Amino acid sequence: IHRITNPEEDARDFLFQRGPLKSSLSCPGCSSAMNLVPCSSKKSSDLLIWRCSPCSRFRNIRTDSVLSGQKLTFSLFLQLVFYLSIKSLVNVAISQLIGVSENTI
């Protein structure tokens, strides 16, 4: 799990390849295909956004995914999914392993 979650960009790429993040998106305004473009951390902490060239609309890369509205980093999300798949771990142990509160889990 450490290999695919470090650095954060590797975790993001893994999620694009495996499905939780969409690999393509249509613009809700003009239905054109949107492009992934780099952005500043002020616009998105994920450092990538979907951009429509014809109408210049933007969408978050987490749009329409299980990660929509979540503040977890991609690395923490993957670690959480991994540890939740191990049935012998309880929420307290998982929260300590990945450094988040039990409420997050």
PDB file of N, CA and C in Angstrom:
ATOM      1  N   ILE A   1       0.836  -1.201   0.000  1.00  0.00           N
ATOM      2  CA  ILE A   1       0.000   0.000   0.000  1.00  0.00           C
ATOM      3  C   ILE A   1       0.876   1.259   0.000  1.00  0.00           C
ATOM      4  N   HIS A   2       2.024   1.178   0.656  1.00  0.00           N
ATOM      5  CA  HIS A   2       2.903   2.352   0.721  1.00  0.00           C
ATOM      6  C   HIS A   2       3.413   2.744  -0.662  1.00  0.00           C
ATOM      7  N   ARG A   3       3.651   1.769  -1.528  1.00  0.00           N
ATOM      8  CA  ARG A   3       4.186   2.043  -2.860  1.00  0.00           C
ATOM      9  C   ARG A   3       3.221   2.865  -3.708  1.00  0.00           C
ATOM     10  N   ILE A   4       1.914   2.627  -3.591  1.00  0.00           N
ATOM     11  CA  ILE A   4       0.969   3.358  -4.426  1.00  0.00           C
ATOM     12  C   ILE A   4       0.437   4.628  -3.767  1.00  0.00           C
ATOM     13  N   THR A   5       0.786   4.865  -2.506  1.00  0.00           N
ATOM     14  CA  THR A   5       0.268   6.059  -1.837  1.00  0.00           C
ATOM     15  C   THR A   5       1.327   7.129  -1.602  1.00  0.00           C
ATOM     16  N   ASN A   6       2.548   6.873  -2.010  1.00  0.00           N
ATOM     17  CA  ASN A   6       3.625   7.857  -1.844  1.00  0.00           C
ATOM     18  C   ASN A   6       4.347   8.027  -3.154  1.00  0.00           C
ATOM     19  N   PRO A   7       4.482   9.161  -3.727  1.00  0.00           N
ATOM     20  CA  PRO A   7       3.915  10.433  -3.280  1.00  0.00           C
ATOM     21  C   PRO A   7       2.424  10.531  -3.604  1.00  0.00           C
ATOM     22  N   GLU A   8       1.822  11.619  -3.208  1.00  0.00           N
ATOM     23  CA  GLU A   8       0.386  11.845  -3.395  1.00  0.00           C
ATOM     24  C   GLU A   8      -0.028  11.729  -4.870  1.00  0.00           C
ATOM     25  N   GLU A   9       0.833  12.154  -5.772  1.00  0.00           N
ATOM     26  CA  GLU A   9       0.523  12.080  -7.208  1.00  0.00           C
ATOM     27  C   GLU A   9       0.357  10.624  -7.654  1.00  0.00           C
ATOM     28  N   ASP A  10       1.126   9.718  -7.077  1.00  0.00           N
ATOM     29  CA  ASP A  10       0.991   8.294  -7.410  1.00  0.00           C
ATOM     30  C   ASP A  10      -0.365   7.763  -6.949  1.00  0.00           C
ATOM     31  N   ALA A  11      -0.795   8.200  -5.775  1.00  0.00           N
ATOM     32  CA  ALA A  11      -2.107   7.784  -5.269  1.00  0.00           C
ATOM     33  C   ALA A  11      -3.210   8.319  -6.182  1.00  0.00           C
ATOM     34  N   ARG A  12      -3.092   9.581  -6.589  1.00  0.00           N
ATOM     35  CA  ARG A  12      -4.071  10.189  -7.496  1.00  0.00           C
ATOM     36  C   ARG A  12      -4.107   9.429  -8.823  1.00  0.00           C
ATOM     37  N   ASP A  13      -2.938   9.126  -9.390  1.00  0.00           N
ATOM     38  CA  ASP A  13      -2.874   8.397 -10.651  1.00  0.00           C
ATOM     39  C   ASP A  13      -3.496   7.006 -10.526  1.00  0.00           C
ATOM     40  N   PHE A  14      -3.253   6.345  -9.411  1.00  0.00           N
ATOM     41  CA  PHE A  14      -3.837   5.028  -9.158  1.00  0.00           C
ATOM     42  C   PHE A  14      -5.364   5.115  -9.176  1.00  0.00           C
ATOM     43  N   LEU A  15      -5.911   6.152  -8.551  1.00  0.00           N
ATOM     44  CA  LEU A  15      -7.369   6.310  -8.500  1.00  0.00           C
ATOM     45  C   LEU A  15      -7.952   6.636  -9.877  1.00  0.00           C
ATOM     46  N   PHE A  16      -7.213   7.346 -10.704  1.00  0.00           N
ATOM     47  CA  PHE A  16      -7.652   7.575 -12.089  1.00  0.00           C
ATOM     48  C   PHE A  16      -7.652   6.269 -12.865  1.00  0.00           C
ATOM     49  N   GLN A  17      -6.620   5.459 -12.700  1.00  0.00           N
ATOM     50  CA  GLN A  17      -6.490   4.209 -13.451  1.00  0.00           C
ATOM     51  C   GLN A  17      -7.499   3.154 -13.010  1.00  0.00           C
ATOM     52  N   ARG A  18      -7.811   3.115 -11.721  1.00  0.00           N
ATOM     53  CA  ARG A  18      -8.657   2.057 -11.171  1.00  0.00           C
ATOM     54  C   ARG A  18     -10.133   2.424 -11.064  1.00  0.00           C
ATOM     55  N   GLY A  19     -10.476   3.697 -11.308  1.00  0.00           N
ATOM     56  CA  GLY A  19     -11.893   4.000 -11.395  1.00  0.00           C
ATOM     57  C   GLY A  19     -12.537   4.980 -10.441  1.00  0.00           C
ATOM     58  N   PRO A  20     -12.133   5.104  -9.187  1.00  0.00           N
ATOM     59  CA  PRO A  20     -12.855   6.063  -8.357  1.00  0.00           C
ATOM     60  C   PRO A  20     -12.859   7.493  -8.921  1.00  0.00           C
ATOM     61  N   LEU A  21     -11.767   7.890  -9.580  1.00  0.00           N
ATOM     62  CA  LEU A  21     -11.744   9.194 -10.244  1.00  0.00           C
ATOM     63  C   LEU A  21     -11.992   8.963 -11.723  1.00  0.00           C
ATOM     64  N   LYS A  22     -12.861   9.776 -12.301  1.00  0.00           N
ATOM     65  CA  LYS A  22     -13.196   9.612 -13.717  1.00  0.00           C
ATOM     66  C   LYS A  22     -12.016   9.947 -14.612  1.00  0.00           C
ATOM     67  N   SER A  23     -11.825   9.141 -15.648  1.00  0.00           N
ATOM     68  CA  SER A  23     -10.737   9.377 -16.590  1.00  0.00           C
ATOM     69  C   SER A  23     -11.171  10.306 -17.726  1.00  0.00           C
ATOM     70  N   SER A  24     -12.469  10.612 -17.793  1.00  0.00           N
ATOM     71  CA  SER A  24     -12.975  11.592 -18.753  1.00  0.00           C
ATOM     72  C   SER A  24     -14.232  12.228 -18.158  1.00  0.00           C
ATOM     73  N   LEU A  25     -14.520  13.440 -18.620  1.00  0.00           N
ATOM     74  CA  LEU A  25     -15.677  14.155 -18.098  1.00  0.00           C
ATOM     75  C   LEU A  25     -16.213  15.075 -19.180  1.00  0.00           C
ATOM     76  N   SER A  26     -17.542  15.141 -19.303  1.00  0.00           N
ATOM     77  CA  SER A  26     -18.178  16.052 -20.250  1.00  0.00           C
ATOM     78  C   SER A  26     -18.596  17.319 -19.516  1.00  0.00           C
ATOM     79  N   CYS A  27     -18.466  18.433 -20.185  1.00  0.00           N
ATOM     80  CA  CYS A  27     -18.834  19.720 -19.610  1.00  0.00           C
ATOM     81  C   CYS A  27     -20.345  19.764 -19.372  1.00  0.00           C
ATOM     82  N   PRO A  28     -20.781  20.165 -18.171  1.00  0.00           N
ATOM     83  CA  PRO A  28     -22.220  20.250 -17.909  1.00  0.00           C
ATOM     84  C   PRO A  28     -22.886  21.407 -18.670  1.00  0.00           C
ATOM     85  N   GLY A  29     -22.079  22.369 -19.129  1.00  0.00           N
ATOM     86  CA  GLY A  29     -22.635  23.518 -19.829  1.00  0.00           C
ATOM     87  C   GLY A  29     -22.814  23.308 -21.316  1.00  0.00           C
ATOM     88  N   CYS A  30     -21.764  22.780 -21.980  1.00  0.00           N
ATOM     89  CA  CYS A  30     -21.815  22.660 -23.445  1.00  0.00           C
ATOM     90  C   CYS A  30     -21.639  21.224 -23.942  1.00  0.00           C
ATOM     91  N   SER A  31     -21.470  20.287 -23.053  1.00  0.00           N
ATOM     92  CA  SER A  31     -21.317  18.858 -23.363  1.00  0.00           C
ATOM     93  C   SER A  31     -20.018  18.497 -24.079  1.00  0.00           C
ATOM     94  N   SER A  32     -19.073  19.426 -24.170  1.00  0.00           N
ATOM     95  CA  SER A  32     -17.769  19.128 -24.765  1.00  0.00           C
ATOM     96  C   SER A  32     -16.942  18.292 -23.800  1.00  0.00           C
ATOM     97  N   ALA A  33     -15.975  17.576 -24.343  1.00  0.00           N
ATOM     98  CA  ALA A  33     -15.056  16.819 -23.499  1.00  0.00           C
ATOM     99  C   ALA A  33     -14.168  17.802 -22.735  1.00  0.00           C
ATOM    100  N   MET A  34     -14.016  17.559 -21.440  1.00  0.00           N
ATOM    101  CA  MET A  34     -13.170  18.410 -20.618  1.00  0.00           C
ATOM    102  C   MET A  34     -11.760  17.826 -20.577  1.00  0.00           C
ATOM    103  N   ASN A  35     -10.778  18.685 -20.311  1.00  0.00           N
ATOM    104  CA  ASN A  35      -9.376  18.272 -20.241  1.00  0.00           C
ATOM    105  C   ASN A  35      -8.850  18.426 -18.827  1.00  0.00           C
ATOM    106  N   LEU A  36      -7.970  17.518 -18.428  1.00  0.00           N
ATOM    107  CA  LEU A  36      -7.286  17.654 -17.146  1.00  0.00           C
ATOM    108  C   LEU A  36      -6.163  18.671 -17.313  1.00  0.00           C
ATOM    109  N   VAL A  37      -6.146  19.667 -16.433  1.00  0.00           N
ATOM    110  CA  VAL A  37      -5.100  20.682 -16.497  1.00  0.00           C
ATOM    111  C   VAL A  37      -4.545  20.937 -15.091  1.00  0.00           C
ATOM    112  N   PRO A  38      -3.255  21.264 -14.998  1.00  0.00           N
ATOM    113  CA  PRO A  38      -2.675  21.613 -13.699  1.00  0.00           C
ATOM    114  C   PRO A  38      -3.280  22.920 -13.189  1.00  0.00           C
ATOM    115  N   CYS A  39      -3.320  23.056 -11.889  1.00  0.00           N
ATOM    116  CA  CYS A  39      -3.828  24.295 -11.301  1.00  0.00           C
ATOM    117  C   CYS A  39      -3.068  24.593 -10.010  1.00  0.00           C
ATOM    118  N   SER A  40      -3.272  25.781  -9.493  1.00  0.00           N
ATOM    119  CA  SER A  40      -2.615  26.170  -8.243  1.00  0.00           C
ATOM    120  C   SER A  40      -3.316  25.506  -7.062  1.00  0.00           C
ATOM    121  N   SER A  41      -2.619  25.440  -5.952  1.00  0.00           N
ATOM    122  CA  SER A  41      -3.209  24.842  -4.752  1.00  0.00           C
ATOM    123  C   SER A  41      -4.357  25.702  -4.219  1.00  0.00           C
ATOM    124  N   LYS A  42      -4.415  26.976  -4.611  1.00  0.00           N
ATOM    125  CA  LYS A  42      -5.529  27.832  -4.188  1.00  0.00           C
ATOM    126  C   LYS A  42      -6.827  27.408  -4.862  1.00  0.00           C
ATOM    127  N   LYS A  43      -6.738  26.939  -6.097  1.00  0.00           N
ATOM    128  CA  LYS A  43      -7.930  26.517  -6.838  1.00  0.00           C
ATOM    129  C   LYS A  43      -8.367  25.110  -6.412  1.00  0.00           C
ATOM    130  N   SER A  44      -7.387  24.213  -6.214  1.00  0.00           N
ATOM    131  CA  SER A  44      -7.692  22.850  -5.786  1.00  0.00           C
ATOM    132  C   SER A  44      -6.459  22.237  -5.134  1.00  0.00           C
ATOM    133  N   SER A  45      -6.647  21.654  -3.978  1.00  0.00           N
ATOM    134  CA  SER A  45      -5.523  21.008  -3.291  1.00  0.00           C
ATOM    135  C   SER A  45      -5.048  19.770  -4.047  1.00  0.00           C
ATOM    136  N   ASP A  46      -5.835  19.291  -4.992  1.00  0.00           N
ATOM    137  CA  ASP A  46      -5.462  18.123  -5.790  1.00  0.00           C
ATOM    138  C   ASP A  46      -4.501  18.481  -6.925  1.00  0.00           C
ATOM    139  N   LEU A  47      -4.329  19.765  -7.194  1.00  0.00           N
ATOM    140  CA  LEU A  47      -3.405  20.313  -8.196  1.00  0.00           C
ATOM    141  C   LEU A  47      -3.755  19.964  -9.638  1.00  0.00           C
ATOM    142  N   LEU A  48      -4.940  19.397  -9.863  1.00  0.00           N
ATOM    143  CA  LEU A  48      -5.475  19.158 -11.200  1.00  0.00           C
ATOM    144  C   LEU A  48      -6.954  19.496 -11.177  1.00  0.00           C
ATOM    145  N   ILE A  49      -7.452  20.017 -12.280  1.00  0.00           N
ATOM    146  CA  ILE A  49      -8.886  20.264 -12.420  1.00  0.00           C
ATOM    147  C   ILE A  49      -9.309  19.874 -13.833  1.00  0.00           C
ATOM    148  N   TRP A  50     -10.604  19.668 -14.015  1.00  0.00           N
ATOM    149  CA  TRP A  50     -11.166  19.479 -15.343  1.00  0.00           C
ATOM    150  C   TRP A  50     -11.485  20.860 -15.899  1.00  0.00           C
ATOM    151  N   ARG A  51     -11.099  21.121 -17.152  1.00  0.00           N
ATOM    152  CA  ARG A  51     -11.364  22.408 -17.790  1.00  0.00           C
ATOM    153  C   ARG A  51     -11.972  22.173 -19.164  1.00  0.00           C
ATOM    154  N   CYS A  52     -13.020  22.925 -19.463  1.00  0.00           N
ATOM    155  CA  CYS A  52     -13.648  22.878 -20.773  1.00  0.00           C
ATOM    156  C   CYS A  52     -13.037  23.986 -21.628  1.00  0.00           C
ATOM    157  N   SER A  53     -12.412  23.613 -22.727  1.00  0.00           N
ATOM    158  CA  SER A  53     -11.788  24.611 -23.612  1.00  0.00           C
ATOM    159  C   SER A  53     -12.810  25.542 -24.275  1.00  0.00           C
ATOM    160  N   PRO A  54     -13.906  25.004 -24.833  1.00  0.00           N
ATOM    161  CA  PRO A  54     -14.845  25.898 -25.515  1.00  0.00           C
ATOM    162  C   PRO A  54     -15.522  26.944 -24.623  1.00  0.00           C
ATOM    163  N   CYS A  55     -15.929  26.553 -23.413  1.00  0.00           N
ATOM    164  CA  CYS A  55     -16.672  27.519 -22.587  1.00  0.00           C
ATOM    165  C   CYS A  55     -15.939  27.918 -21.300  1.00  0.00           C
ATOM    166  N   SER A  56     -14.749  27.372 -21.077  1.00  0.00           N
ATOM    167  CA  SER A  56     -13.885  27.730 -19.939  1.00  0.00           C
ATOM    168  C   SER A  56     -14.450  27.398 -18.561  1.00  0.00           C
ATOM    169  N   ARG A  57     -15.361  26.451 -18.481  1.00  0.00           N
ATOM    170  CA  ARG A  57     -15.850  26.008 -17.166  1.00  0.00           C
ATOM    171  C   ARG A  57     -14.821  25.078 -16.529  1.00  0.00           C
ATOM    172  N   PHE A  58     -14.857  25.035 -15.204  1.00  0.00           N
ATOM    173  CA  PHE A  58     -13.962  24.175 -14.440  1.00  0.00           C
ATOM    174  C   PHE A  58     -14.776  23.235 -13.575  1.00  0.00           C
ATOM    175  N   ARG A  59     -14.226  22.034 -13.330  1.00  0.00           N
ATOM    176  CA  ARG A  59     -14.821  21.082 -12.380  1.00  0.00           C
ATOM    177  C   ARG A  59     -13.695  20.447 -11.584  1.00  0.00           C
ATOM    178  N   ASN A  60     -13.982  20.111 -10.359  1.00  0.00           N
ATOM    179  CA  ASN A  60     -13.027  19.431  -9.496  1.00  0.00           C
ATOM    180  C   ASN A  60     -12.830  18.002  -9.994  1.00  0.00           C
ATOM    181  N   ILE A  61     -11.631  17.454  -9.857  1.00  0.00           N
ATOM    182  CA  ILE A  61     -11.391  16.078 -10.326  1.00  0.00           C
ATOM    183  C   ILE A  61     -12.140  15.044  -9.487  1.00  0.00           C
ATOM    184  N   ARG A  62     -12.617  15.441  -8.318  1.00  0.00           N
ATOM    185  CA  ARG A  62     -13.388  14.536  -7.459  1.00  0.00           C
ATOM    186  C   ARG A  62     -14.872  14.507  -7.823  1.00  0.00           C
ATOM    187  N   THR A  63     -15.286  15.345  -8.775  1.00  0.00           N
ATOM    188  CA  THR A  63     -16.681  15.445  -9.191  1.00  0.00           C
ATOM    189  C   THR A  63     -17.249  14.073  -9.552  1.00  0.00           C
ATOM    190  N   ASP A  64     -18.478  13.824  -9.069  1.00  0.00           N
ATOM    191  CA  ASP A  64     -19.204  12.581  -9.384  1.00  0.00           C
ATOM    192  C   ASP A  64     -18.441  11.320  -9.000  1.00  0.00           C
ATOM    193  N   SER A  65     -17.675  11.394  -7.921  1.00  0.00           N
ATOM    194  CA  SER A  65     -16.970  10.199  -7.441  1.00  0.00           C
ATOM    195  C   SER A  65     -17.246  10.022  -5.953  1.00  0.00           C
ATOM    196  N   VAL A  66     -16.830   8.912  -5.415  1.00  0.00           N
ATOM    197  CA  VAL A  66     -16.978   8.648  -3.986  1.00  0.00           C
ATOM    198  C   VAL A  66     -16.187   9.680  -3.168  1.00  0.00           C
ATOM    199  N   LEU A  67     -15.229  10.337  -3.800  1.00  0.00           N
ATOM    200  CA  LEU A  67     -14.397  11.336  -3.121  1.00  0.00           C
ATOM    201  C   LEU A  67     -14.970  12.746  -3.199  1.00  0.00           C
ATOM    202  N   SER A  68     -16.070  12.926  -3.881  1.00  0.00           N
ATOM    203  CA  SER A  68     -16.689  14.241  -4.011  1.00  0.00           C
ATOM    204  C   SER A  68     -17.056  14.790  -2.639  1.00  0.00           C
ATOM    205  N   GLY A  69     -16.568  15.984  -2.343  1.00  0.00           N
ATOM    206  CA  GLY A  69     -16.859  16.623  -1.064  1.00  0.00           C
ATOM    207  C   GLY A  69     -15.992  16.150   0.094  1.00  0.00           C
ATOM    208  N   GLN A  70     -15.113  15.194  -0.139  1.00  0.00           N
ATOM    209  CA  GLN A  70     -14.241  14.673   0.915  1.00  0.00           C
ATOM    210  C   GLN A  70     -12.949  15.476   1.007  1.00  0.00           C
ATOM    211  N   LYS A  71     -12.444  15.645   2.216  1.00  0.00           N
ATOM    212  CA  LYS A  71     -11.194  16.372   2.417  1.00  0.00           C
ATOM    213  C   LYS A  71      -9.989  15.456   2.562  1.00  0.00           C
ATOM    214  N   LEU A  72     -10.229  14.150   2.608  1.00  0.00           N
ATOM    215  CA  LEU A  72      -9.125  13.200   2.734  1.00  0.00           C
ATOM    216  C   LEU A  72      -8.203  13.294   1.532  1.00  0.00           C
ATOM    217  N   THR A  73      -6.905  13.185   1.778  1.00  0.00           N
ATOM    218  CA  THR A  73      -5.974  13.107   0.651  1.00  0.00           C
ATOM    219  C   THR A  73      -6.201  11.771  -0.051  1.00  0.00           C
ATOM    220  N   PHE A  74      -5.737  11.671  -1.265  1.00  0.00           N
ATOM    221  CA  PHE A  74      -5.877  10.413  -2.004  1.00  0.00           C
ATOM    222  C   PHE A  74      -5.127   9.291  -1.290  1.00  0.00           C
ATOM    223  N   SER A  75      -3.963   9.603  -0.741  1.00  0.00           N
ATOM    224  CA  SER A  75      -3.172   8.608  -0.009  1.00  0.00           C
ATOM    225  C   SER A  75      -3.947   8.079   1.194  1.00  0.00           C
ATOM    226  N   LEU A  76      -4.525   8.980   1.975  1.00  0.00           N
ATOM    227  CA  LEU A  76      -5.286   8.548   3.151  1.00  0.00           C
ATOM    228  C   LEU A  76      -6.520   7.753   2.745  1.00  0.00           C
ATOM    229  N   PHE A  77      -7.174   8.149   1.676  1.00  0.00           N
ATOM    230  CA  PHE A  77      -8.336   7.407   1.197  1.00  0.00           C
ATOM    231  C   PHE A  77      -7.954   5.967   0.852  1.00  0.00           C
ATOM    232  N   LEU A  78      -6.857   5.792   0.102  1.00  0.00           N
ATOM    233  CA  LEU A  78      -6.420   4.442  -0.265  1.00  0.00           C
ATOM    234  C   LEU A  78      -6.019   3.625   0.948  1.00  0.00           C
ATOM    235  N   GLN A  79      -5.346   4.255   1.906  1.00  0.00           N
ATOM    236  CA  GLN A  79      -4.972   3.538   3.125  1.00  0.00           C
ATOM    237  C   GLN A  79      -6.218   3.122   3.900  1.00  0.00           C
ATOM    238  N   LEU A  80      -7.190   4.008   3.978  1.00  0.00           N
ATOM    239  CA  LEU A  80      -8.428   3.711   4.684  1.00  0.00           C
ATOM    240  C   LEU A  80      -9.155   2.533   4.039  1.00  0.00           C
ATOM    241  N   VAL A  81      -9.274   2.534   2.739  1.00  0.00           N
ATOM    242  CA  VAL A  81      -9.919   1.418   2.027  1.00  0.00           C
ATOM    243  C   VAL A  81      -9.154   0.116   2.274  1.00  0.00           C
ATOM    244  N   PHE A  82      -7.831   0.194   2.211  1.00  0.00           N
ATOM    245  CA  PHE A  82      -7.000  -0.989   2.445  1.00  0.00           C
ATOM    246  C   PHE A  82      -7.233  -1.551   3.846  1.00  0.00           C
ATOM    247  N   TYR A  83      -7.139  -0.689   4.852  1.00  0.00           N
ATOM    248  CA  TYR A  83      -7.281  -1.172   6.223  1.00  0.00           C
ATOM    249  C   TYR A  83      -8.705  -1.613   6.545  1.00  0.00           C
ATOM    250  N   LEU A  84      -9.701  -0.979   5.949  1.00  0.00           N
ATOM    251  CA  LEU A  84     -11.079  -1.419   6.164  1.00  0.00           C
ATOM    252  C   LEU A  84     -11.334  -2.791   5.542  1.00  0.00           C
ATOM    253  N   SER A  85     -10.533  -3.151   4.549  1.00  0.00           N
ATOM    254  CA  SER A  85     -10.701  -4.467   3.937  1.00  0.00           C
ATOM    255  C   SER A  85     -10.114  -5.589   4.794  1.00  0.00           C
ATOM    256  N   ILE A  86      -9.326  -5.227   5.783  1.00  0.00           N
ATOM    257  CA  ILE A  86      -8.769  -6.205   6.715  1.00  0.00           C
ATOM    258  C   ILE A  86      -9.733  -6.291   7.901  1.00  0.00           C
ATOM    259  N   LYS A  87     -10.493  -7.346   7.938  1.00  0.00           N
ATOM    260  CA  LYS A  87     -11.596  -7.445   8.899  1.00  0.00           C
ATOM    261  C   LYS A  87     -11.171  -7.474  10.361  1.00  0.00           C
ATOM    262  N   SER A  88      -9.937  -7.817  10.647  1.00  0.00           N
ATOM    263  CA  SER A  88      -9.528  -7.943  12.043  1.00  0.00           C
ATOM    264  C   SER A  88      -9.226  -6.587  12.692  1.00  0.00           C
ATOM    265  N   LEU A  89      -9.093  -5.541  11.895  1.00  0.00           N
ATOM    266  CA  LEU A  89      -8.812  -4.225  12.460  1.00  0.00           C
ATOM    267  C   LEU A  89     -10.109  -3.530  12.858  1.00  0.00           C
ATOM    268  N   VAL A  90     -10.071  -2.845  13.982  1.00  0.00           N
ATOM    269  CA  VAL A  90     -11.223  -2.066  14.407  1.00  0.00           C
ATOM    270  C   VAL A  90     -10.947  -0.600  14.101  1.00  0.00           C
ATOM    271  N   ASN A  91     -11.974   0.216  14.159  1.00  0.00           N
ATOM    272  CA  ASN A  91     -11.853   1.628  13.807  1.00  0.00           C
ATOM    273  C   ASN A  91     -10.769   2.359  14.605  1.00  0.00           C
ATOM    274  N   VAL A  92     -10.611   2.012  15.879  1.00  0.00           N
ATOM    275  CA  VAL A  92      -9.594   2.673  16.702  1.00  0.00           C
ATOM    276  C   VAL A  92      -8.206   2.397  16.136  1.00  0.00           C
ATOM    277  N   ALA A  93      -7.936   1.145  15.804  1.00  0.00           N
ATOM    278  CA  ALA A  93      -6.629   0.777  15.263  1.00  0.00           C
ATOM    279  C   ALA A  93      -6.395   1.433  13.909  1.00  0.00           C
ATOM    280  N   ILE A  94      -7.419   1.467  13.068  1.00  0.00           N
ATOM    281  CA  ILE A  94      -7.290   2.084  11.748  1.00  0.00           C
ATOM    282  C   ILE A  94      -7.001   3.572  11.897  1.00  0.00           C
ATOM    283  N   SER A  95      -7.714   4.253  12.780  1.00  0.00           N
ATOM    284  CA  SER A  95      -7.501   5.694  12.951  1.00  0.00           C
ATOM    285  C   SER A  95      -6.084   5.978  13.431  1.00  0.00           C
ATOM    286  N   GLN A  96      -5.543   5.119  14.277  1.00  0.00           N
ATOM    287  CA  GLN A  96      -4.176   5.298  14.751  1.00  0.00           C
ATOM    288  C   GLN A  96      -3.155   5.006  13.648  1.00  0.00           C
ATOM    289  N   LEU A  97      -3.415   4.003  12.818  1.00  0.00           N
ATOM    290  CA  LEU A  97      -2.500   3.646  11.733  1.00  0.00           C
ATOM    291  C   LEU A  97      -2.340   4.756  10.706  1.00  0.00           C
ATOM    292  N   ILE A  98      -3.449   5.407  10.351  1.00  0.00           N
ATOM    293  CA  ILE A  98      -3.359   6.413   9.299  1.00  0.00           C
ATOM    294  C   ILE A  98      -3.425   7.844   9.809  1.00  0.00           C
ATOM    295  N   GLY A  99      -3.583   8.009  11.118  1.00  0.00           N
ATOM    296  CA  GLY A  99      -3.508   9.336  11.715  1.00  0.00           C
ATOM    297  C   GLY A  99      -4.709  10.231  11.492  1.00  0.00           C
ATOM    298  N   VAL A 100      -5.914   9.644  11.493  1.00  0.00           N
ATOM    299  CA  VAL A 100      -7.135  10.437  11.399  1.00  0.00           C
ATOM    300  C   VAL A 100      -8.045  10.085  12.584  1.00  0.00           C
ATOM    301  N   SER A 101      -9.048  10.901  12.825  1.00  0.00           N
ATOM    302  CA  SER A 101      -9.945  10.634  13.943  1.00  0.00           C
ATOM    303  C   SER A 101     -10.871   9.456  13.647  1.00  0.00           C
ATOM    304  N   GLU A 102     -11.416   8.862  14.695  1.00  0.00           N
ATOM    305  CA  GLU A 102     -12.351   7.759  14.509  1.00  0.00           C
ATOM    306  C   GLU A 102     -13.592   8.229  13.760  1.00  0.00           C
ATOM    307  N   ASN A 103     -13.996   9.486  13.936  1.00  0.00           N
ATOM    308  CA  ASN A 103     -15.164  10.031  13.238  1.00  0.00           C
ATOM    309  C   ASN A 103     -14.953  10.033  11.732  1.00  0.00           C
ATOM    310  N   THR A 104     -13.724  10.229  11.276  1.00  0.00           N
ATOM    311  CA  THR A 104     -13.430  10.224   9.848  1.00  0.00           C
ATOM    312  C   THR A 104     -13.700   8.856   9.254  1.00  0.00           C
ATOM    313  N   ILE A 105     -13.405   7.826  10.018  1.00  0.00           N
ATOM    314  CA  ILE A 105     -13.599   6.457   9.554  1.00  0.00           C
ATOM    315  C   ILE A 105     -15.070   6.116   9.588  1.00  0.00           C
TER     316      ILE A 105
END
